[in-house]
Amino acid sequence: MPDEARPSPDALLRAAEREGRGTLKIFLGAAPGVGKTYEMLLEGAEKLEAGSDVVIGLVETHGRKETEALVAPLPVIDRKKITYKGQLLTEMDLDAVLDRHPEIVLVDELAHTNAPGSRHPKRWQDIEELLVAGIDVMTTVNIQHVESLNDVVGSFTHVRVRETVPDKVFENAEIELIDLPPEDLIKRLADGKIYVPEQARHALDHFFSKGNLLALRELVLRHAAQYVDARIQEHQSVTGKEGGYTGGQRILVAVSESA
């Protein structure tokens, strides 16, 4: 009889290491303005209504009235004030969130660089501390901030993104792709729903050109597909069962016996 399928010891070890940690959900988009924060707030409100303990750790509305309306029903943790070179800056109050210890916290802009004087230089590091404490986190990020894709994005947008997130942050996360066709995104930009008019005109001529948006959209779709494929393989490793799924790309390399 053939050997029964057995779970991978390494996969079981990885699963055990995640026990007790919070779960991370990332709303991933191709560019600013596709609706990542909006969707995160919608889901947060749904979970709050369903009885979960949900708070906002930090959300940037950028003055968008529709987004501000979604913030209203959710409890908000006051931001921490930091004075730097005579300027008053605000960041997520990490200690206040830890003390409150909600079931779920919403934290916008995963790739953000914290103000000098913060405990961690990067927001993704703040989120890691929340996850270790057993708090579930929902956050947002655009594809150009993924560290391994930084050079690729720069090659066709000619914009070097300084704030990046290590790929390891995405490994155990649930990723929800927030997609919007380039034509719709350009219309939103022209209608002033993303930037003020002067910034919008500059953006349309540069980063938000249709060619760039098409390339970014393809990149985010490919990245999401790779994530789904990795999750399928992880599930098969943990359960020891082959699901029979063959939708992903496969490469066959033929090597002859000849030296």
C-alpha atoms as a PDB file:
ATOM      1  CA  MET A   1       0.000   0.000   0.000  1.00  0.00           C
ATOM      2  CA  PRO A   2       1.303   3.475  -0.740  1.00  0.00           C
ATOM      3  CA  ASP A   3       2.489   5.516   2.217  1.00  0.00           C
ATOM      4  CA  GLU A   4      -0.186   7.744   3.684  1.00  0.00           C
ATOM      5  CA  ALA A   5       0.345  11.426   3.082  1.00  0.00           C
ATOM      6  CA  ARG A   6       1.900  13.049   6.105  1.00  0.00           C
ATOM      7  CA  PRO A   7       2.134  16.708   7.084  1.00  0.00           C
ATOM      8  CA  SER A   8       5.486  18.416   6.625  1.00  0.00           C
ATOM      9  CA  PRO A   9       7.298  18.785  10.008  1.00  0.00           C
ATOM     10  CA  ASP A  10       8.579  22.220   8.948  1.00  0.00           C
ATOM     11  CA  ALA A  11       5.067  23.352   8.055  1.00  0.00           C
ATOM     12  CA  LEU A  12       3.715  22.102  11.397  1.00  0.00           C
ATOM     13  CA  LEU A  13       6.519  23.967  13.200  1.00  0.00           C
ATOM     14  CA  ARG A  14       5.664  27.190  11.364  1.00  0.00           C
ATOM     15  CA  ALA A  15       2.003  26.733  12.285  1.00  0.00           C
ATOM     16  CA  ALA A  16       2.923  26.179  15.938  1.00  0.00           C
ATOM     17  CA  GLU A  17       5.027  29.341  15.976  1.00  0.00           C
ATOM     18  CA  ARG A  18       1.961  31.328  14.872  1.00  0.00           C
ATOM     19  CA  GLU A  19      -0.113  30.068  17.813  1.00  0.00           C
ATOM     20  CA  GLY A  20      -0.982  32.906  20.165  1.00  0.00           C
ATOM     21  CA  ARG A  21      -0.075  35.603  17.638  1.00  0.00           C
ATOM     22  CA  GLY A  22      -2.566  38.010  16.170  1.00  0.00           C
ATOM     23  CA  THR A  23      -3.493  37.668  12.513  1.00  0.00           C
ATOM     24  CA  LEU A  24      -2.527  40.267   9.922  1.00  0.00           C
ATOM     25  CA  LYS A  25      -4.785  41.291   7.050  1.00  0.00           C
ATOM     26  CA  ILE A  26      -3.335  43.536   4.348  1.00  0.00           C
ATOM     27  CA  PHE A  27      -5.492  45.487   1.909  1.00  0.00           C
ATOM     28  CA  LEU A  28      -3.196  45.666  -1.112  1.00  0.00           C
ATOM     29  CA  GLY A  29      -3.594  48.077  -4.020  1.00  0.00           C
ATOM     30  CA  ALA A  30      -1.802  49.075  -7.215  1.00  0.00           C
ATOM     31  CA  ALA A  31      -1.717  52.802  -6.382  1.00  0.00           C
ATOM     32  CA  PRO A  32      -3.080  55.459  -4.017  1.00  0.00           C
ATOM     33  CA  GLY A  33      -6.797  56.093  -4.359  1.00  0.00           C
ATOM     34  CA  VAL A  34      -8.025  52.599  -5.252  1.00  0.00           C
ATOM     35  CA  GLY A  35     -10.022  52.367  -1.995  1.00  0.00           C
ATOM     36  CA  LYS A  36      -7.851  50.362   0.429  1.00  0.00           C
ATOM     37  CA  THR A  37      -8.603  52.470   3.522  1.00  0.00           C
ATOM     38  CA  TYR A  38     -12.293  52.634   2.586  1.00  0.00           C
ATOM     39  CA  GLU A  39     -12.551  48.845   2.369  1.00  0.00           C
ATOM     40  CA  MET A  40     -10.595  48.370   5.612  1.00  0.00           C
ATOM     41  CA  LEU A  41     -12.978  50.706   7.449  1.00  0.00           C
ATOM     42  CA  LEU A  42     -16.028  48.962   5.960  1.00  0.00           C
ATOM     43  CA  GLU A  43     -14.811  45.594   7.206  1.00  0.00           C
ATOM     44  CA  GLY A  44     -13.887  47.050  10.579  1.00  0.00           C
ATOM     45  CA  ALA A  45     -17.393  48.473  10.963  1.00  0.00           C
ATOM     46  CA  GLU A  46     -18.943  45.136   9.975  1.00  0.00           C
ATOM     47  CA  LYS A  47     -16.883  43.291  12.586  1.00  0.00           C
ATOM     48  CA  LEU A  48     -17.767  45.882  15.226  1.00  0.00           C
ATOM     49  CA  GLU A  49     -21.460  45.470  14.449  1.00  0.00           C
ATOM     50  CA  ALA A  50     -21.033  41.685  14.663  1.00  0.00           C
ATOM     51  CA  GLY A  51     -19.732  42.035  18.224  1.00  0.00           C
ATOM     52  CA  SER A  52     -15.946  42.143  17.815  1.00  0.00           C
ATOM     53  CA  ASP A  53     -13.869  44.616  19.837  1.00  0.00           C
ATOM     54  CA  VAL A  54     -12.542  46.862  17.062  1.00  0.00           C
ATOM     55  CA  VAL A  55     -10.622  50.146  17.393  1.00  0.00           C
ATOM     56  CA  ILE A  56      -8.769  52.507  15.069  1.00  0.00           C
ATOM     57  CA  GLY A  57      -5.092  52.768  15.932  1.00  0.00           C
ATOM     58  CA  LEU A  58      -4.437  55.205  13.097  1.00  0.00           C
ATOM     59  CA  VAL A  59      -6.287  56.010   9.875  1.00  0.00           C
ATOM     60  CA  GLU A  60      -5.438  58.707   7.341  1.00  0.00           C
ATOM     61  CA  THR A  61      -8.591  60.082   5.685  1.00  0.00           C
ATOM     62  CA  HIS A  62      -6.724  62.715   3.594  1.00  0.00           C
ATOM     63  CA  GLY A  63      -9.824  64.888   3.871  1.00  0.00           C
ATOM     64  CA  ARG A  64     -12.041  62.462   1.927  1.00  0.00           C
ATOM     65  CA  LYS A  65     -15.588  62.906   3.202  1.00  0.00           C
ATOM     66  CA  GLU A  66     -16.653  59.340   2.373  1.00  0.00           C
ATOM     67  CA  THR A  67     -13.709  57.956   4.374  1.00  0.00           C
ATOM     68  CA  GLU A  68     -14.306  60.323   7.281  1.00  0.00           C
ATOM     69  CA  ALA A  69     -17.919  59.145   7.474  1.00  0.00           C
ATOM     70  CA  LEU A  70     -16.728  55.553   7.905  1.00  0.00           C
ATOM     71  CA  VAL A  71     -14.381  56.540  10.750  1.00  0.00           C
ATOM     72  CA  ALA A  72     -17.212  58.103  12.803  1.00  0.00           C
ATOM     73  CA  PRO A  73     -18.801  54.925  14.251  1.00  0.00           C
ATOM     74  CA  LEU A  74     -15.490  53.302  15.227  1.00  0.00           C
ATOM     75  CA  PRO A  75     -13.655  53.906  18.546  1.00  0.00           C
ATOM     76  CA  VAL A  76     -10.377  55.775  17.954  1.00  0.00           C
ATOM     77  CA  ILE A  77      -7.200  55.575  20.047  1.00  0.00           C
ATOM     78  CA  ASP A  78      -5.803  59.101  20.429  1.00  0.00           C
ATOM     79  CA  ARG A  79      -2.531  59.670  18.610  1.00  0.00           C
ATOM     80  CA  LYS A  80       0.763  60.186  20.384  1.00  0.00           C
ATOM     81  CA  LYS A  81       2.234  63.682  20.022  1.00  0.00           C
ATOM     82  CA  ILE A  82       5.959  63.957  19.298  1.00  0.00           C
ATOM     83  CA  THR A  83       7.904  67.214  19.078  1.00  0.00           C
ATOM     84  CA  TYR A  84      10.763  67.125  16.575  1.00  0.00           C
ATOM     85  CA  LYS A  85      12.835  70.170  15.598  1.00  0.00           C
ATOM     86  CA  GLY A  86      10.126  72.518  16.797  1.00  0.00           C
ATOM     87  CA  GLN A  87       7.370  70.714  14.896  1.00  0.00           C
ATOM     88  CA  LEU A  88       4.504  68.818  16.503  1.00  0.00           C
ATOM     89  CA  LEU A  89       4.067  65.418  14.861  1.00  0.00           C
ATOM     90  CA  THR A  90       1.533  62.685  15.599  1.00  0.00           C
ATOM     91  CA  GLU A  91       1.919  58.913  15.374  1.00  0.00           C
ATOM     92  CA  MET A  92      -0.019  55.865  16.477  1.00  0.00           C
ATOM     93  CA  ASP A  93       0.185  55.501  20.263  1.00  0.00           C
ATOM     94  CA  LEU A  94       1.542  51.955  20.377  1.00  0.00           C
ATOM     95  CA  ASP A  95       1.500  51.699  24.163  1.00  0.00           C
ATOM     96  CA  ALA A  96      -2.081  52.957  24.349  1.00  0.00           C
ATOM     97  CA  VAL A  97      -3.196  50.287  21.860  1.00  0.00           C
ATOM     98  CA  LEU A  98      -1.332  47.581  23.797  1.00  0.00           C
ATOM     99  CA  ASP A  99      -2.910  48.741  27.077  1.00  0.00           C
ATOM    100  CA  ARG A 100      -6.377  48.809  25.494  1.00  0.00           C
ATOM    101  CA  HIS A 101      -5.674  45.381  23.919  1.00  0.00           C
ATOM    102  CA  PRO A 102      -8.617  45.261  21.497  1.00  0.00           C
ATOM    103  CA  GLU A 103      -9.482  42.183  19.499  1.00  0.00           C
ATOM    104  CA  ILE A 104      -8.825  44.013  16.210  1.00  0.00           C
ATOM    105  CA  VAL A 105      -7.009  47.275  15.467  1.00  0.00           C
ATOM    106  CA  LEU A 106      -7.001  49.184  12.162  1.00  0.00           C
ATOM    107  CA  VAL A 107      -3.629  50.705  11.265  1.00  0.00           C
ATOM    108  CA  ASP A 108      -3.336  52.566   7.952  1.00  0.00           C
ATOM    109  CA  GLU A 109      -0.233  52.878   5.723  1.00  0.00           C
ATOM    110  CA  LEU A 110       1.920  49.853   6.547  1.00  0.00           C
ATOM    111  CA  ALA A 111       5.050  51.325   4.901  1.00  0.00           C
ATOM    112  CA  HIS A 112       4.994  54.579   6.912  1.00  0.00           C
ATOM    113  CA  THR A 113       8.217  55.827   8.549  1.00  0.00           C
ATOM    114  CA  ASN A 114       7.635  56.883  12.155  1.00  0.00           C
ATOM    115  CA  ALA A 115       8.739  60.223  13.535  1.00  0.00           C
ATOM    116  CA  PRO A 116      12.156  60.314  15.235  1.00  0.00           C
ATOM    117  CA  GLY A 117      11.788  59.398  18.887  1.00  0.00           C
ATOM    118  CA  SER A 118       9.254  56.633  18.252  1.00  0.00           C
ATOM    119  CA  ARG A 119       9.986  53.167  19.676  1.00  0.00           C
ATOM    120  CA  HIS A 120      10.279  51.660  16.201  1.00  0.00           C
ATOM    121  CA  PRO A 121      11.496  53.419  13.042  1.00  0.00           C
ATOM    122  CA  LYS A 122       8.813  51.784  10.860  1.00  0.00           C
ATOM    123  CA  ARG A 123       5.093  51.251  11.277  1.00  0.00           C
ATOM    124  CA  TRP A 124       5.317  47.626  10.172  1.00  0.00           C
ATOM    125  CA  GLN A 125       7.498  47.086  13.244  1.00  0.00           C
ATOM    126  CA  ASP A 126       4.770  48.614  15.448  1.00  0.00           C
ATOM    127  CA  ILE A 127       2.327  46.180  13.855  1.00  0.00           C
ATOM    128  CA  GLU A 128       4.665  43.254  14.521  1.00  0.00           C
ATOM    129  CA  GLU A 129       4.635  44.139  18.235  1.00  0.00           C
ATOM    130  CA  LEU A 130       0.830  44.220  18.197  1.00  0.00           C
ATOM    131  CA  LEU A 131       0.709  40.802  16.521  1.00  0.00           C
ATOM    132  CA  VAL A 132       3.101  39.311  19.088  1.00  0.00           C
ATOM    133  CA  ALA A 133       0.758  40.632  21.791  1.00  0.00           C
ATOM    134  CA  GLY A 134      -2.092  38.611  20.243  1.00  0.00           C
ATOM    135  CA  ILE A 135      -3.937  41.529  18.638  1.00  0.00           C
ATOM    136  CA  ASP A 136      -5.359  41.110  15.121  1.00  0.00           C
ATOM    137  CA  VAL A 137      -4.355  43.920  12.750  1.00  0.00           C
ATOM    138  CA  MET A 138      -5.821  45.200   9.501  1.00  0.00           C
ATOM    139  CA  THR A 139      -3.635  47.521   7.430  1.00  0.00           C
ATOM    140  CA  THR A 140      -3.143  48.975   3.929  1.00  0.00           C
ATOM    141  CA  VAL A 141      -0.259  49.239   1.471  1.00  0.00           C
ATOM    142  CA  ASN A 142       0.437  49.795  -2.238  1.00  0.00           C
ATOM    143  CA  ILE A 143       2.408  47.355  -4.371  1.00  0.00           C
ATOM    144  CA  GLN A 144       5.295  49.810  -4.952  1.00  0.00           C
ATOM    145  CA  HIS A 145       6.186  49.564  -1.253  1.00  0.00           C
ATOM    146  CA  VAL A 146       6.967  45.825  -1.388  1.00  0.00           C
ATOM    147  CA  GLU A 147      10.739  45.676  -0.887  1.00  0.00           C
ATOM    148  CA  SER A 148      11.528  43.046  -3.537  1.00  0.00           C
ATOM    149  CA  LEU A 149       9.538  44.973  -6.175  1.00  0.00           C
ATOM    150  CA  ASN A 150      11.091  48.371  -5.504  1.00  0.00           C
ATOM    151  CA  ASP A 151      13.557  48.200  -8.400  1.00  0.00           C
ATOM    152  CA  VAL A 152      10.921  46.855 -10.795  1.00  0.00           C
ATOM    153  CA  VAL A 153       8.506  49.682 -10.000  1.00  0.00           C
ATOM    154  CA  GLY A 154      11.260  52.281 -10.259  1.00  0.00           C
ATOM    155  CA  SER A 155      12.298  50.983 -13.686  1.00  0.00           C
ATOM    156  CA  PHE A 156       9.032  52.016 -15.362  1.00  0.00           C
ATOM    157  CA  THR A 157       7.637  54.775 -13.099  1.00  0.00           C
ATOM    158  CA  HIS A 158      11.023  56.515 -12.712  1.00  0.00           C
ATOM    159  CA  VAL A 159      10.003  57.151  -9.104  1.00  0.00           C
ATOM    160  CA  ARG A 160      12.154  55.670  -6.348  1.00  0.00           C
ATOM    161  CA  VAL A 161       9.998  54.712  -3.367  1.00  0.00           C
ATOM    162  CA  ARG A 162      11.953  55.197  -0.151  1.00  0.00           C
ATOM    163  CA  GLU A 163       9.479  53.592   2.237  1.00  0.00           C
ATOM    164  CA  THR A 164       9.427  49.819   1.737  1.00  0.00           C
ATOM    165  CA  VAL A 165       8.117  46.806   3.639  1.00  0.00           C
ATOM    166  CA  PRO A 166      10.146  43.555   3.847  1.00  0.00           C
ATOM    167  CA  ASP A 167       8.600  40.634   2.000  1.00  0.00           C
ATOM    168  CA  LYS A 168       8.581  38.585   5.221  1.00  0.00           C
ATOM    169  CA  VAL A 169       5.754  40.804   6.536  1.00  0.00           C
ATOM    170  CA  PHE A 170       3.468  39.392   3.818  1.00  0.00           C
ATOM    171  CA  GLU A 171       4.351  35.720   4.358  1.00  0.00           C
ATOM    172  CA  ASN A 172       1.726  34.848   6.980  1.00  0.00           C
ATOM    173  CA  ALA A 173      -0.735  37.624   6.191  1.00  0.00           C
ATOM    174  CA  GLU A 174      -4.158  37.408   4.626  1.00  0.00           C
ATOM    175  CA  ILE A 175      -4.093  39.638   1.556  1.00  0.00           C
ATOM    176  CA  GLU A 176      -7.167  41.251   0.032  1.00  0.00           C
ATOM    177  CA  LEU A 177      -6.591  42.815  -3.372  1.00  0.00           C
ATOM    178  CA  ILE A 178      -8.368  46.136  -3.875  1.00  0.00           C
ATOM    179  CA  ASP A 179      -8.545  46.590  -7.627  1.00  0.00           C
ATOM    180  CA  LEU A 180      -9.679  49.537  -9.719  1.00  0.00           C
ATOM    181  CA  PRO A 181      -9.240  49.874 -13.510  1.00  0.00           C
ATOM    182  CA  PRO A 182      -6.777  52.644 -14.509  1.00  0.00           C
ATOM    183  CA  GLU A 183      -9.525  54.591 -16.300  1.00  0.00           C
ATOM    184  CA  ASP A 184     -11.607  54.757 -13.123  1.00  0.00           C
ATOM    185  CA  LEU A 185      -8.602  55.720 -11.018  1.00  0.00           C
ATOM    186  CA  ILE A 186      -7.648  58.517 -13.428  1.00  0.00           C
ATOM    187  CA  LYS A 187     -11.242  59.815 -13.270  1.00  0.00           C
ATOM    188  CA  ARG A 188     -11.128  59.795  -9.473  1.00  0.00           C
ATOM    189  CA  LEU A 189      -7.896  61.750  -9.640  1.00  0.00           C
ATOM    190  CA  ALA A 190      -9.348  64.271 -12.095  1.00  0.00           C
ATOM    191  CA  ASP A 191     -12.412  64.687  -9.847  1.00  0.00           C
ATOM    192  CA  GLY A 192     -10.157  65.682  -6.928  1.00  0.00           C
ATOM    193  CA  LYS A 193     -10.924  62.571  -4.879  1.00  0.00           C
ATOM    194  CA  ILE A 194      -7.255  61.646  -4.370  1.00  0.00           C
ATOM    195  CA  TYR A 195      -5.183  64.854  -4.464  1.00  0.00           C
ATOM    196  CA  VAL A 196      -5.860  68.592  -4.589  1.00  0.00           C
ATOM    197  CA  PRO A 197      -6.111  69.950  -8.192  1.00  0.00           C
ATOM    198  CA  GLU A 198      -2.494  71.111  -8.556  1.00  0.00           C
ATOM    199  CA  GLN A 199      -1.109  67.816  -7.194  1.00  0.00           C
ATOM    200  CA  ALA A 200      -3.581  65.895  -9.369  1.00  0.00           C
ATOM    201  CA  ARG A 201      -2.355  67.544 -12.584  1.00  0.00           C
ATOM    202  CA  HIS A 202       1.268  66.726 -11.727  1.00  0.00           C
ATOM    203  CA  ALA A 203       0.349  63.141 -10.792  1.00  0.00           C
ATOM    204  CA  LEU A 204      -1.480  62.567 -14.097  1.00  0.00           C
ATOM    205  CA  ASP A 205       1.611  63.595 -16.034  1.00  0.00           C
ATOM    206  CA  HIS A 206       3.947  61.411 -13.981  1.00  0.00           C
ATOM    207  CA  PHE A 207       3.195  58.512 -11.612  1.00  0.00           C
ATOM    208  CA  PHE A 208      -0.505  58.286 -12.541  1.00  0.00           C
ATOM    209  CA  SER A 209       0.017  58.019 -16.288  1.00  0.00           C
ATOM    210  CA  LYS A 210      -2.152  55.298 -17.829  1.00  0.00           C
ATOM    211  CA  GLY A 211       0.908  53.255 -18.832  1.00  0.00           C
ATOM    212  CA  ASN A 212       2.244  53.249 -15.273  1.00  0.00           C
ATOM    213  CA  LEU A 213      -1.136  52.327 -13.810  1.00  0.00           C
ATOM    214  CA  LEU A 214      -1.542  49.431 -16.234  1.00  0.00           C
ATOM    215  CA  ALA A 215       1.906  48.096 -15.300  1.00  0.00           C
ATOM    216  CA  LEU A 216       1.256  48.531 -11.563  1.00  0.00           C
ATOM    217  CA  ARG A 217      -2.076  46.763 -11.891  1.00  0.00           C
ATOM    218  CA  GLU A 218      -0.449  43.797 -13.635  1.00  0.00           C
ATOM    219  CA  LEU A 219       2.236  43.705 -10.942  1.00  0.00           C
ATOM    220  CA  VAL A 220      -0.259  43.676  -8.062  1.00  0.00           C
ATOM    221  CA  LEU A 221      -2.385  40.987  -9.730  1.00  0.00           C
ATOM    222  CA  ARG A 222       0.674  38.775 -10.235  1.00  0.00           C
ATOM    223  CA  HIS A 223       1.812  39.340  -6.637  1.00  0.00           C
ATOM    224  CA  ALA A 224      -1.621  38.433  -5.288  1.00  0.00           C
ATOM    225  CA  ALA A 225      -1.686  35.273  -7.427  1.00  0.00           C
ATOM    226  CA  GLN A 226       1.726  34.232  -6.087  1.00  0.00           C
ATOM    227  CA  TYR A 227       0.455  34.782  -2.551  1.00  0.00           C
ATOM    228  CA  VAL A 228      -2.592  32.568  -3.166  1.00  0.00           C
ATOM    229  CA  ASP A 229      -0.386  29.837  -4.668  1.00  0.00           C
ATOM    230  CA  ALA A 230       1.932  29.976  -1.637  1.00  0.00           C
ATOM    231  CA  ARG A 231      -1.043  29.664   0.738  1.00  0.00           C
ATOM    232  CA  ILE A 232      -2.288  26.593  -1.163  1.00  0.00           C
ATOM    233  CA  GLN A 233       1.131  24.956  -0.917  1.00  0.00           C
ATOM    234  CA  GLU A 234       1.344  25.815   2.795  1.00  0.00           C
ATOM    235  CA  HIS A 235      -2.085  24.273   3.401  1.00  0.00           C
ATOM    236  CA  GLN A 236      -1.048  21.099   1.584  1.00  0.00           C
ATOM    237  CA  SER A 237       2.175  20.923   3.621  1.00  0.00           C
ATOM    238  CA  VAL A 238       0.319  21.247   6.936  1.00  0.00           C
ATOM    239  CA  THR A 239      -2.456  18.756   6.072  1.00  0.00           C
ATOM    240  CA  GLY A 240      -0.279  16.378   4.076  1.00  0.00           C
ATOM    241  CA  LYS A 241      -2.973  16.193   1.429  1.00  0.00           C
ATOM    242  CA  GLU A 242      -2.658  17.119  -2.208  1.00  0.00           C
ATOM    243  CA  GLY A 243      -5.598  19.202  -3.298  1.00  0.00           C
ATOM    244  CA  GLY A 244      -5.274  18.403  -6.979  1.00  0.00           C
ATOM    245  CA  TYR A 245      -5.077  22.104  -7.804  1.00  0.00           C
ATOM    246  CA  THR A 246      -2.952  22.766 -10.884  1.00  0.00           C
ATOM    247  CA  GLY A 247      -3.951  26.301 -11.825  1.00  0.00           C
ATOM    248  CA  GLY A 248      -0.573  27.892 -11.084  1.00  0.00           C
ATOM    249  CA  GLN A 249       2.284  28.233 -13.540  1.00  0.00           C
ATOM    250  CA  ARG A 250       4.692  25.287 -13.759  1.00  0.00           C
ATOM    251  CA  ILE A 251       8.035  24.990 -15.528  1.00  0.00           C
ATOM    252  CA  LEU A 252       9.419  21.699 -16.841  1.00  0.00           C
ATOM    253  CA  VAL A 253      13.180  21.605 -17.413  1.00  0.00           C
ATOM    254  CA  ALA A 254      14.583  18.701 -19.472  1.00  0.00           C
ATOM    255  CA  VAL A 255      18.242  17.782 -18.937  1.00  0.00           C
ATOM    256  CA  SER A 256      19.924  15.138 -21.050  1.00  0.00           C
ATOM    257  CA  GLU A 257      22.439  12.541 -19.794  1.00  0.00           C
ATOM    258  CA  SER A 258      25.160  13.973 -22.023  1.00  0.00           C
ATOM    259  CA  ALA A 259      27.924  15.903 -20.270  1.00  0.00           C
END
